[in-house]
Amino acid sequence: AIGFAWSFDRYIINWELMFKKLLRYKNQYGDCLVPFNYSNDKALGYWVHRQKRIYKDIQTGRKGPITMKRFKMLDSIGFAWESFSRNRKISLNSSKRKTAF
């Protein structure tokens, strides 16, 4: 191999990178309630939102790109699968978070 990562490999690497960012966020704030417009890392906010959307799609019978292993990884760190709107009140009450709602 000459160091070229196929697109599927990049997807796996990106997912793992975002998971590590989520772990850092959880260590800092004590939860996984990353706001969609998280100003410190907008990509993380979007990624968390996307994971919830994929989960919702799976719950309604649609196929999604999340594997059982990834589902378990997120679940093991207390990932909040419910809609972000339910969690928004919690996020707004945290003075540590920098958000742009």
PDB file of N, CA and C in Angstrom:
ATOM      1  N   ALA A   1       0.843  -1.184   0.000  1.00  0.00           N
ATOM      2  CA  ALA A   1       0.000   0.000   0.000  1.00  0.00           C
ATOM      3  C   ALA A   1       0.881   1.237   0.000  1.00  0.00           C
ATOM      4  N   ILE A   2       0.411   2.246  -0.709  1.00  0.00           N
ATOM      5  CA  ILE A   2       1.189   3.480  -0.823  1.00  0.00           C
ATOM      6  C   ILE A   2       0.636   4.591   0.066  1.00  0.00           C
ATOM      7  N   GLY A   3      -0.204   4.237   1.021  1.00  0.00           N
ATOM      8  CA  GLY A   3      -0.734   5.235   1.938  1.00  0.00           C
ATOM      9  C   GLY A   3      -2.037   5.860   1.493  1.00  0.00           C
ATOM     10  N   PHE A   4      -2.617   5.372   0.405  1.00  0.00           N
ATOM     11  CA  PHE A   4      -3.891   5.909  -0.064  1.00  0.00           C
ATOM     12  C   PHE A   4      -5.027   5.267   0.710  1.00  0.00           C
ATOM     13  N   ALA A   5      -5.879   6.071   1.316  1.00  0.00           N
ATOM     14  CA  ALA A   5      -7.024   5.555   2.078  1.00  0.00           C
ATOM     15  C   ALA A   5      -8.254   5.591   1.186  1.00  0.00           C
ATOM     16  N   TRP A   6      -8.881   4.452   0.992  1.00  0.00           N
ATOM     17  CA  TRP A   6     -10.120   4.407   0.229  1.00  0.00           C
ATOM     18  C   TRP A   6     -11.198   5.148   0.999  1.00  0.00           C
ATOM     19  N   SER A   7     -12.245   5.567   0.318  1.00  0.00           N
ATOM     20  CA  SER A   7     -13.278   6.370   0.957  1.00  0.00           C
ATOM     21  C   SER A   7     -13.898   5.643   2.153  1.00  0.00           C
ATOM     22  N   PHE A   8     -14.087   4.323   2.072  1.00  0.00           N
ATOM     23  CA  PHE A   8     -14.643   3.574   3.191  1.00  0.00           C
ATOM     24  C   PHE A   8     -13.709   3.645   4.388  1.00  0.00           C
ATOM     25  N   ASP A   9     -12.414   3.534   4.151  1.00  0.00           N
ATOM     26  CA  ASP A   9     -11.441   3.643   5.232  1.00  0.00           C
ATOM     27  C   ASP A   9     -11.498   5.022   5.874  1.00  0.00           C
ATOM     28  N   ARG A  10     -11.666   6.063   5.068  1.00  0.00           N
ATOM     29  CA  ARG A  10     -11.765   7.421   5.605  1.00  0.00           C
ATOM     30  C   ARG A  10     -13.011   7.562   6.470  1.00  0.00           C
ATOM     31  N   TYR A  11     -14.103   6.916   6.065  1.00  0.00           N
ATOM     32  CA  TYR A  11     -15.332   6.963   6.854  1.00  0.00           C
ATOM     33  C   TYR A  11     -15.093   6.332   8.223  1.00  0.00           C
ATOM     34  N   ILE A  12     -14.426   5.186   8.245  1.00  0.00           N
ATOM     35  CA  ILE A  12     -14.134   4.508   9.516  1.00  0.00           C
ATOM     36  C   ILE A  12     -13.219   5.370  10.376  1.00  0.00           C
ATOM     37  N   ILE A  13     -12.174   5.907   9.786  1.00  0.00           N
ATOM     38  CA  ILE A  13     -11.230   6.742  10.520  1.00  0.00           C
ATOM     39  C   ILE A  13     -11.935   7.985  11.046  1.00  0.00           C
ATOM     40  N   ASN A  14     -12.774   8.604  10.233  1.00  0.00           N
ATOM     41  CA  ASN A  14     -13.495   9.797  10.655  1.00  0.00           C
ATOM     42  C   ASN A  14     -14.431   9.472  11.814  1.00  0.00           C
ATOM     43  N   TRP A  15     -15.153   8.352  11.741  1.00  0.00           N
ATOM     44  CA  TRP A  15     -16.067   7.986  12.822  1.00  0.00           C
ATOM     45  C   TRP A  15     -15.293   7.814  14.126  1.00  0.00           C
ATOM     46  N   GLU A  16     -14.178   7.127  14.060  1.00  0.00           N
ATOM     47  CA  GLU A  16     -13.365   6.897  15.252  1.00  0.00           C
ATOM     48  C   GLU A  16     -12.804   8.205  15.805  1.00  0.00           C
ATOM     49  N   LEU A  17     -12.396   9.110  14.923  1.00  0.00           N
ATOM     50  CA  LEU A  17     -11.900  10.418  15.346  1.00  0.00           C
ATOM     51  C   LEU A  17     -13.005  11.202  16.051  1.00  0.00           C
ATOM     52  N   MET A  18     -14.207  11.195  15.493  1.00  0.00           N
ATOM     53  CA  MET A  18     -15.317  11.924  16.100  1.00  0.00           C
ATOM     54  C   MET A  18     -15.713  11.291  17.438  1.00  0.00           C
ATOM     55  N   PHE A  19     -15.645   9.977  17.525  1.00  0.00           N
ATOM     56  CA  PHE A  19     -15.938   9.315  18.793  1.00  0.00           C
ATOM     57  C   PHE A  19     -14.941   9.757  19.865  1.00  0.00           C
ATOM     58  N   LYS A  20     -13.667   9.858  19.500  1.00  0.00           N
ATOM     59  CA  LYS A  20     -12.656  10.323  20.448  1.00  0.00           C
ATOM     60  C   LYS A  20     -12.926  11.764  20.875  1.00  0.00           C
ATOM     61  N   LYS A  21     -13.365  12.595  19.935  1.00  0.00           N
ATOM     62  CA  LYS A  21     -13.719  13.971  20.275  1.00  0.00           C
ATOM     63  C   LYS A  21     -14.902  13.995  21.241  1.00  0.00           C
ATOM     64  N   LEU A  22     -15.855  13.106  21.005  1.00  0.00           N
ATOM     65  CA  LEU A  22     -17.008  13.023  21.902  1.00  0.00           C
ATOM     66  C   LEU A  22     -16.564  12.596  23.304  1.00  0.00           C
ATOM     67  N   LEU A  23     -15.637  11.670  23.391  1.00  0.00           N
ATOM     68  CA  LEU A  23     -15.106  11.265  24.695  1.00  0.00           C
ATOM     69  C   LEU A  23     -14.443  12.445  25.411  1.00  0.00           C
ATOM     70  N   ARG A  24     -13.685  13.242  24.688  1.00  0.00           N
ATOM     71  CA  ARG A  24     -13.059  14.428  25.288  1.00  0.00           C
ATOM     72  C   ARG A  24     -14.124  15.411  25.781  1.00  0.00           C
ATOM     73  N   TYR A  25     -15.167  15.581  24.968  1.00  0.00           N
ATOM     74  CA  TYR A  25     -16.267  16.461  25.350  1.00  0.00           C
ATOM     75  C   TYR A  25     -16.912  15.950  26.646  1.00  0.00           C
ATOM     76  N   LYS A  26     -17.169  14.652  26.697  1.00  0.00           N
ATOM     77  CA  LYS A  26     -17.789  14.071  27.883  1.00  0.00           C
ATOM     78  C   LYS A  26     -16.895  14.245  29.105  1.00  0.00           C
ATOM     79  N   ASN A  27     -15.602  14.057  28.946  1.00  0.00           N
ATOM     80  CA  ASN A  27     -14.672  14.252  30.063  1.00  0.00           C
ATOM     81  C   ASN A  27     -14.704  15.691  30.568  1.00  0.00           C
ATOM     82  N   GLN A  28     -14.897  16.636  29.650  1.00  0.00           N
ATOM     83  CA  GLN A  28     -14.914  18.041  30.030  1.00  0.00           C
ATOM     84  C   GLN A  28     -16.246  18.460  30.646  1.00  0.00           C
ATOM     85  N   TYR A  29     -17.366  18.008  30.052  1.00  0.00           N
ATOM     86  CA  TYR A  29     -18.683  18.494  30.472  1.00  0.00           C
ATOM     87  C   TYR A  29     -19.514  17.475  31.252  1.00  0.00           C
ATOM     88  N   GLY A  30     -19.102  16.217  31.265  1.00  0.00           N
ATOM     89  CA  GLY A  30     -19.811  15.213  32.043  1.00  0.00           C
ATOM     90  C   GLY A  30     -20.988  14.559  31.357  1.00  0.00           C
ATOM     91  N   ASP A  31     -21.212  14.887  30.096  1.00  0.00           N
ATOM     92  CA  ASP A  31     -22.305  14.278  29.344  1.00  0.00           C
ATOM     93  C   ASP A  31     -21.969  14.284  27.853  1.00  0.00           C
ATOM     94  N   CYS A  32     -22.879  13.723  27.062  1.00  0.00           N
ATOM     95  CA  CYS A  32     -22.683  13.664  25.604  1.00  0.00           C
ATOM     96  C   CYS A  32     -23.684  14.560  24.881  1.00  0.00           C
ATOM     97  N   LEU A  33     -24.162  15.591  25.543  1.00  0.00           N
ATOM     98  CA  LEU A  33     -25.184  16.476  24.985  1.00  0.00           C
ATOM     99  C   LEU A  33     -24.551  17.614  24.194  1.00  0.00           C
ATOM    100  N   VAL A  34     -23.876  17.275  23.129  1.00  0.00           N
ATOM    101  CA  VAL A  34     -23.197  18.270  22.301  1.00  0.00           C
ATOM    102  C   VAL A  34     -24.246  19.037  21.505  1.00  0.00           C
ATOM    103  N   PRO A  35     -24.300  20.353  21.659  1.00  0.00           N
ATOM    104  CA  PRO A  35     -25.265  21.128  20.866  1.00  0.00           C
ATOM    105  C   PRO A  35     -24.947  21.037  19.378  1.00  0.00           C
ATOM    106  N   PHE A  36     -25.976  21.088  18.551  1.00  0.00           N
ATOM    107  CA  PHE A  36     -25.787  21.010  17.108  1.00  0.00           C
ATOM    108  C   PHE A  36     -24.832  22.104  16.622  1.00  0.00           C
ATOM    109  N   ASN A  37     -24.982  23.309  17.140  1.00  0.00           N
ATOM    110  CA  ASN A  37     -24.123  24.431  16.751  1.00  0.00           C
ATOM    111  C   ASN A  37     -23.041  24.698  17.797  1.00  0.00           C
ATOM    112  N   TYR A  38     -22.408  23.647  18.264  1.00  0.00           N
ATOM    113  CA  TYR A  38     -21.358  23.765  19.269  1.00  0.00           C
ATOM    114  C   TYR A  38     -20.210  24.590  18.689  1.00  0.00           C
ATOM    115  N   SER A  39     -20.018  25.778  19.199  1.00  0.00           N
ATOM    116  CA  SER A  39     -19.074  26.712  18.584  1.00  0.00           C
ATOM    117  C   SER A  39     -17.622  26.271  18.673  1.00  0.00           C
ATOM    118  N   ASN A  40     -17.270  25.449  19.666  1.00  0.00           N
ATOM    119  CA  ASN A  40     -15.887  24.985  19.777  1.00  0.00           C
ATOM    120  C   ASN A  40     -15.539  23.922  18.743  1.00  0.00           C
ATOM    121  N   ASP A  41     -16.544  23.218  18.228  1.00  0.00           N
ATOM    122  CA  ASP A  41     -16.301  22.165  17.237  1.00  0.00           C
ATOM    123  C   ASP A  41     -17.614  21.853  16.518  1.00  0.00           C
ATOM    124  N   LYS A  42     -17.906  22.633  15.488  1.00  0.00           N
ATOM    125  CA  LYS A  42     -19.170  22.464  14.767  1.00  0.00           C
ATOM    126  C   LYS A  42     -19.285  21.092  14.123  1.00  0.00           C
ATOM    127  N   ALA A  43     -18.166  20.514  13.719  1.00  0.00           N
ATOM    128  CA  ALA A  43     -18.192  19.179  13.115  1.00  0.00           C
ATOM    129  C   ALA A  43     -18.662  18.145  14.136  1.00  0.00           C
ATOM    130  N   LEU A  44     -18.251  18.298  15.391  1.00  0.00           N
ATOM    131  CA  LEU A  44     -18.685  17.376  16.438  1.00  0.00           C
ATOM    132  C   LEU A  44     -20.184  17.517  16.675  1.00  0.00           C
ATOM    133  N   GLY A  45     -20.671  18.727  16.732  1.00  0.00           N
ATOM    134  CA  GLY A  45     -22.100  18.949  16.903  1.00  0.00           C
ATOM    135  C   GLY A  45     -22.912  18.313  15.791  1.00  0.00           C
ATOM    136  N   TYR A  46     -22.448  18.470  14.553  1.00  0.00           N
ATOM    137  CA  TYR A  46     -23.141  17.863  13.420  1.00  0.00           C
ATOM    138  C   TYR A  46     -23.066  16.335  13.501  1.00  0.00           C
ATOM    139  N   TRP A  47     -21.915  15.809  13.848  1.00  0.00           N
ATOM    140  CA  TRP A  47     -21.734  14.355  13.917  1.00  0.00           C
ATOM    141  C   TRP A  47     -22.659  13.732  14.958  1.00  0.00           C
ATOM    142  N   VAL A  48     -22.755  14.350  16.127  1.00  0.00           N
ATOM    143  CA  VAL A  48     -23.643  13.845  17.170  1.00  0.00           C
ATOM    144  C   VAL A  48     -25.087  13.864  16.668  1.00  0.00           C
ATOM    145  N   HIS A  49     -25.471  14.963  16.042  1.00  0.00           N
ATOM    146  CA  HIS A  49     -26.818  15.066  15.472  1.00  0.00           C
ATOM    147  C   HIS A  49     -27.059  13.957  14.443  1.00  0.00           C
ATOM    148  N   ARG A  50     -26.070  13.698  13.628  1.00  0.00           N
ATOM    149  CA  ARG A  50     -26.179  12.664  12.590  1.00  0.00           C
ATOM    150  C   ARG A  50     -26.339  11.268  13.204  1.00  0.00           C
ATOM    151  N   GLN A  51     -25.613  10.990  14.270  1.00  0.00           N
ATOM    152  CA  GLN A  51     -25.735   9.684  14.916  1.00  0.00           C
ATOM    153  C   GLN A  51     -27.153   9.488  15.444  1.00  0.00           C
ATOM    154  N   LYS A  52     -27.729  10.539  16.013  1.00  0.00           N
ATOM    155  CA  LYS A  52     -29.102  10.464  16.515  1.00  0.00           C
ATOM    156  C   LYS A  52     -30.092  10.252  15.371  1.00  0.00           C
ATOM    157  N   ARG A  53     -29.833  10.920  14.260  1.00  0.00           N
ATOM    158  CA  ARG A  53     -30.711  10.791  13.092  1.00  0.00           C
ATOM    159  C   ARG A  53     -30.649   9.369  12.538  1.00  0.00           C
ATOM    160  N   ILE A  54     -29.459   8.826  12.438  1.00  0.00           N
ATOM    161  CA  ILE A  54     -29.287   7.452  11.951  1.00  0.00           C
ATOM    162  C   ILE A  54     -30.022   6.485  12.874  1.00  0.00           C
ATOM    163  N   TYR A  55     -29.879   6.685  14.170  1.00  0.00           N
ATOM    164  CA  TYR A  55     -30.551   5.832  15.146  1.00  0.00           C
ATOM    165  C   TYR A  55     -32.071   5.910  14.978  1.00  0.00           C
ATOM    166  N   LYS A  56     -32.578   7.119  14.813  1.00  0.00           N
ATOM    167  CA  LYS A  56     -34.018   7.304  14.624  1.00  0.00           C
ATOM    168  C   LYS A  56     -34.483   6.589  13.351  1.00  0.00           C
ATOM    169  N   ASP A  57     -33.708   6.692  12.295  1.00  0.00           N
ATOM    170  CA  ASP A  57     -34.042   6.009  11.037  1.00  0.00           C
ATOM    171  C   ASP A  57     -34.112   4.499  11.247  1.00  0.00           C
ATOM    172  N   ILE A  58     -33.164   3.959  11.972  1.00  0.00           N
ATOM    173  CA  ILE A  58     -33.140   2.517  12.241  1.00  0.00           C
ATOM    174  C   ILE A  58     -34.365   2.120  13.066  1.00  0.00           C
ATOM    175  N   GLN A  59     -34.735   2.950  14.032  1.00  0.00           N
ATOM    176  CA  GLN A  59     -35.895   2.662  14.870  1.00  0.00           C
ATOM    177  C   GLN A  59     -37.198   2.640  14.067  1.00  0.00           C
ATOM    178  N   THR A  60     -37.222   3.371  12.962  1.00  0.00           N
ATOM    179  CA  THR A  60     -38.423   3.410  12.132  1.00  0.00           C
ATOM    180  C   THR A  60     -38.343   2.435  10.959  1.00  0.00           C
ATOM    181  N   GLY A  61     -37.363   1.544  10.998  1.00  0.00           N
ATOM    182  CA  GLY A  61     -37.275   0.501   9.984  1.00  0.00           C
ATOM    183  C   GLY A  61     -36.389   0.796   8.797  1.00  0.00           C
ATOM    184  N   ARG A  62     -35.786   1.952   8.755  1.00  0.00           N
ATOM    185  CA  ARG A  62     -34.873   2.278   7.653  1.00  0.00           C
ATOM    186  C   ARG A  62     -33.487   1.738   7.975  1.00  0.00           C
ATOM    187  N   LYS A  63     -32.721   1.555   6.929  1.00  0.00           N
ATOM    188  CA  LYS A  63     -31.348   1.098   7.123  1.00  0.00           C
ATOM    189  C   LYS A  63     -30.457   2.300   7.405  1.00  0.00           C
ATOM    190  N   GLY A  64     -29.433   2.062   8.205  1.00  0.00           N
ATOM    191  CA  GLY A  64     -28.492   3.124   8.525  1.00  0.00           C
ATOM    192  C   GLY A  64     -27.077   2.596   8.555  1.00  0.00           C
ATOM    193  N   PRO A  65     -26.097   3.496   8.414  1.00  0.00           N
ATOM    194  CA  PRO A  65     -24.692   3.061   8.338  1.00  0.00           C
ATOM    195  C   PRO A  65     -24.044   2.768   9.692  1.00  0.00           C
ATOM    196  N   ILE A  66     -24.800   2.794  10.780  1.00  0.00           N
ATOM    197  CA  ILE A  66     -24.180   2.536  12.083  1.00  0.00           C
ATOM    198  C   ILE A  66     -24.167   1.033  12.348  1.00  0.00           C
ATOM    199  N   THR A  67     -23.040   0.548  12.809  1.00  0.00           N
ATOM    200  CA  THR A  67     -22.918  -0.878  13.126  1.00  0.00           C
ATOM    201  C   THR A  67     -23.306  -1.110  14.580  1.00  0.00           C
ATOM    202  N   MET A  68     -23.578  -2.347  14.921  1.00  0.00           N
ATOM    203  CA  MET A  68     -23.911  -2.688  16.301  1.00  0.00           C
ATOM    204  C   MET A  68     -22.747  -2.339  17.225  1.00  0.00           C
ATOM    205  N   LYS A  69     -21.523  -2.544  16.754  1.00  0.00           N
ATOM    206  CA  LYS A  69     -20.347  -2.213  17.560  1.00  0.00           C
ATOM    207  C   LYS A  69     -20.336  -0.717  17.894  1.00  0.00           C
ATOM    208  N   ARG A  70     -20.603   0.115  16.908  1.00  0.00           N
ATOM    209  CA  ARG A  70     -20.611   1.562  17.140  1.00  0.00           C
ATOM    210  C   ARG A  70     -21.769   1.965  18.042  1.00  0.00           C
ATOM    211  N   PHE A  71     -22.911   1.347  17.818  1.00  0.00           N
ATOM    212  CA  PHE A  71     -24.058   1.618  18.676  1.00  0.00           C
ATOM    213  C   PHE A  71     -23.692   1.325  20.129  1.00  0.00           C
ATOM    214  N   LYS A  72     -23.064   0.186  20.362  1.00  0.00           N
ATOM    215  CA  LYS A  72     -22.673  -0.200  21.717  1.00  0.00           C
ATOM    216  C   LYS A  72     -21.607   0.743  22.280  1.00  0.00           C
ATOM    217  N   MET A  73     -20.690   1.198  21.427  1.00  0.00           N
ATOM    218  CA  MET A  73     -19.659   2.133  21.879  1.00  0.00           C
ATOM    219  C   MET A  73     -20.305   3.427  22.376  1.00  0.00           C
ATOM    220  N   LEU A  74     -21.228   3.960  21.583  1.00  0.00           N
ATOM    221  CA  LEU A  74     -21.908   5.192  21.970  1.00  0.00           C
ATOM    222  C   LEU A  74     -22.760   4.972  23.216  1.00  0.00           C
ATOM    223  N   ASP A  75     -23.467   3.873  23.237  1.00  0.00           N
ATOM    224  CA  ASP A  75     -24.324   3.557  24.371  1.00  0.00           C
ATOM    225  C   ASP A  75     -23.512   3.417  25.660  1.00  0.00           C
ATOM    226  N   SER A  76     -22.324   2.851  25.568  1.00  0.00           N
ATOM    227  CA  SER A  76     -21.496   2.601  26.747  1.00  0.00           C
ATOM    228  C   SER A  76     -20.993   3.882  27.415  1.00  0.00           C
ATOM    229  N   ILE A  77     -20.980   4.988  26.690  1.00  0.00           N
ATOM    230  CA  ILE A  77     -20.520   6.255  27.281  1.00  0.00           C
ATOM    231  C   ILE A  77     -21.680   7.168  27.649  1.00  0.00           C
ATOM    232  N   GLY A  78     -22.899   6.637  27.571  1.00  0.00           N
ATOM    233  CA  GLY A  78     -24.062   7.430  27.969  1.00  0.00           C
ATOM    234  C   GLY A  78     -24.580   8.357  26.893  1.00  0.00           C
ATOM    235  N   PHE A  79     -24.397   7.976  25.640  1.00  0.00           N
ATOM    236  CA  PHE A  79     -24.888   8.788  24.530  1.00  0.00           C
ATOM    237  C   PHE A  79     -26.401   8.960  24.648  1.00  0.00           C
ATOM    238  N   ALA A  80     -26.878  10.178  24.506  1.00  0.00           N
ATOM    239  CA  ALA A  80     -28.313  10.478  24.605  1.00  0.00           C
ATOM    240  C   ALA A  80     -28.937  10.323  23.225  1.00  0.00           C
ATOM    241  N   TRP A  81     -29.663   9.234  23.026  1.00  0.00           N
ATOM    242  CA  TRP A  81     -30.226   8.931  21.714  1.00  0.00           C
ATOM    243  C   TRP A  81     -31.477   9.737  21.390  1.00  0.00           C
ATOM    244  N   GLU A  82     -32.168  10.233  22.398  1.00  0.00           N
ATOM    245  CA  GLU A  82     -33.407  10.947  22.125  1.00  0.00           C
ATOM    246  C   GLU A  82     -33.133  12.264  21.411  1.00  0.00           C
ATOM    247  N   SER A  83     -34.185  12.833  20.907  1.00  0.00           N
ATOM    248  CA  SER A  83     -34.092  14.061  20.132  1.00  0.00           C
ATOM    249  C   SER A  83     -33.358  15.140  20.904  1.00  0.00           C
ATOM    250  N   PHE A  84     -32.553  15.893  20.200  1.00  0.00           N
ATOM    251  CA  PHE A  84     -31.777  16.942  20.856  1.00  0.00           C
ATOM    252  C   PHE A  84     -32.684  17.997  21.475  1.00  0.00           C
ATOM    253  N   SER A  85     -33.859  18.213  20.911  1.00  0.00           N
ATOM    254  CA  SER A  85     -34.732  19.246  21.453  1.00  0.00           C
ATOM    255  C   SER A  85     -35.087  18.965  22.911  1.00  0.00           C
ATOM    256  N   ARG A  86     -35.184  17.679  23.299  1.00  0.00           N
ATOM    257  CA  ARG A  86     -35.438  17.345  24.706  1.00  0.00           C
ATOM    258  C   ARG A  86     -34.227  17.681  25.559  1.00  0.00           C
ATOM    259  N   ASN A  87     -33.052  17.610  24.989  1.00  0.00           N
ATOM    260  CA  ASN A  87     -31.820  17.850  25.735  1.00  0.00           C
ATOM    261  C   ASN A  87     -31.407  19.321  25.706  1.00  0.00           C
ATOM    262  N   ARG A  88     -32.029  20.097  24.859  1.00  0.00           N
ATOM    263  CA  ARG A  88     -31.623  21.481  24.682  1.00  0.00           C
ATOM    264  C   ARG A  88     -31.707  22.271  25.984  1.00  0.00           C
ATOM    265  N   LYS A  89     -32.772  22.052  26.758  1.00  0.00           N
ATOM    266  CA  LYS A  89     -32.913  22.775  28.025  1.00  0.00           C
ATOM    267  C   LYS A  89     -31.736  22.491  28.948  1.00  0.00           C
ATOM    268  N   ILE A  90     -31.276  21.262  28.970  1.00  0.00           N
ATOM    269  CA  ILE A  90     -30.129  20.893  29.789  1.00  0.00           C
ATOM    270  C   ILE A  90     -28.893  21.642  29.297  1.00  0.00           C
ATOM    271  N   SER A  91     -28.705  21.672  27.965  1.00  0.00           N
ATOM    272  CA  SER A  91     -27.542  22.337  27.394  1.00  0.00           C
ATOM    273  C   SER A  91     -27.561  23.827  27.681  1.00  0.00           C
ATOM    274  N   LEU A  92     -28.731  24.432  27.594  1.00  0.00           N
ATOM    275  CA  LEU A  92     -28.818  25.864  27.815  1.00  0.00           C
ATOM    276  C   LEU A  92     -28.510  26.247  29.256  1.00  0.00           C
ATOM    277  N   ASN A  93     -28.709  25.322  30.181  1.00  0.00           N
ATOM    278  CA  ASN A  93     -28.454  25.605  31.584  1.00  0.00           C
ATOM    279  C   ASN A  93     -26.985  25.477  31.963  1.00  0.00           C
ATOM    280  N   SER A  94     -26.165  24.961  31.094  1.00  0.00           N
ATOM    281  CA  SER A  94     -24.758  24.779  31.412  1.00  0.00           C
ATOM    282  C   SER A  94     -23.975  26.024  31.040  1.00  0.00           C
ATOM    283  N   SER A  95     -23.356  26.651  32.011  1.00  0.00           N
ATOM    284  CA  SER A  95     -22.585  27.860  31.735  1.00  0.00           C
ATOM    285  C   SER A  95     -21.234  27.541  31.111  1.00  0.00           C
ATOM    286  N   LYS A  96     -20.811  26.280  31.143  1.00  0.00           N
ATOM    287  CA  LYS A  96     -19.525  25.903  30.582  1.00  0.00           C
ATOM    288  C   LYS A  96     -19.546  25.833  29.062  1.00  0.00           C
ATOM    289  N   ARG A  97     -20.698  25.503  28.508  1.00  0.00           N
ATOM    290  CA  ARG A  97     -20.785  25.270  27.066  1.00  0.00           C
ATOM    291  C   ARG A  97     -20.877  26.586  26.324  1.00  0.00           C
ATOM    292  N   LYS A  98     -20.225  26.619  25.182  1.00  0.00           N
ATOM    293  CA  LYS A  98     -20.353  27.760  24.281  1.00  0.00           C
ATOM    294  C   LYS A  98     -21.229  27.296  23.139  1.00  0.00           C
ATOM    295  N   THR A  99     -22.427  27.838  23.066  1.00  0.00           N
ATOM    296  CA  THR A  99     -23.366  27.415  22.048  1.00  0.00           C
ATOM    297  C   THR A  99     -23.830  28.615  21.238  1.00  0.00           C
ATOM    298  N   ALA A 100     -24.367  28.315  20.087  1.00  0.00           N
ATOM    299  CA  ALA A 100     -24.936  29.345  19.226  1.00  0.00           C
ATOM    300  C   ALA A 100     -26.268  28.837  18.702  1.00  0.00           C
ATOM    301  N   PHE A 101     -27.290  28.932  19.524  1.00  0.00           N
ATOM    302  CA  PHE A 101     -28.605  28.425  19.107  1.00  0.00           C
ATOM    303  C   PHE A 101     -29.285  29.410  18.215  1.00  0.00           C
TER     304      PHE A 101
END
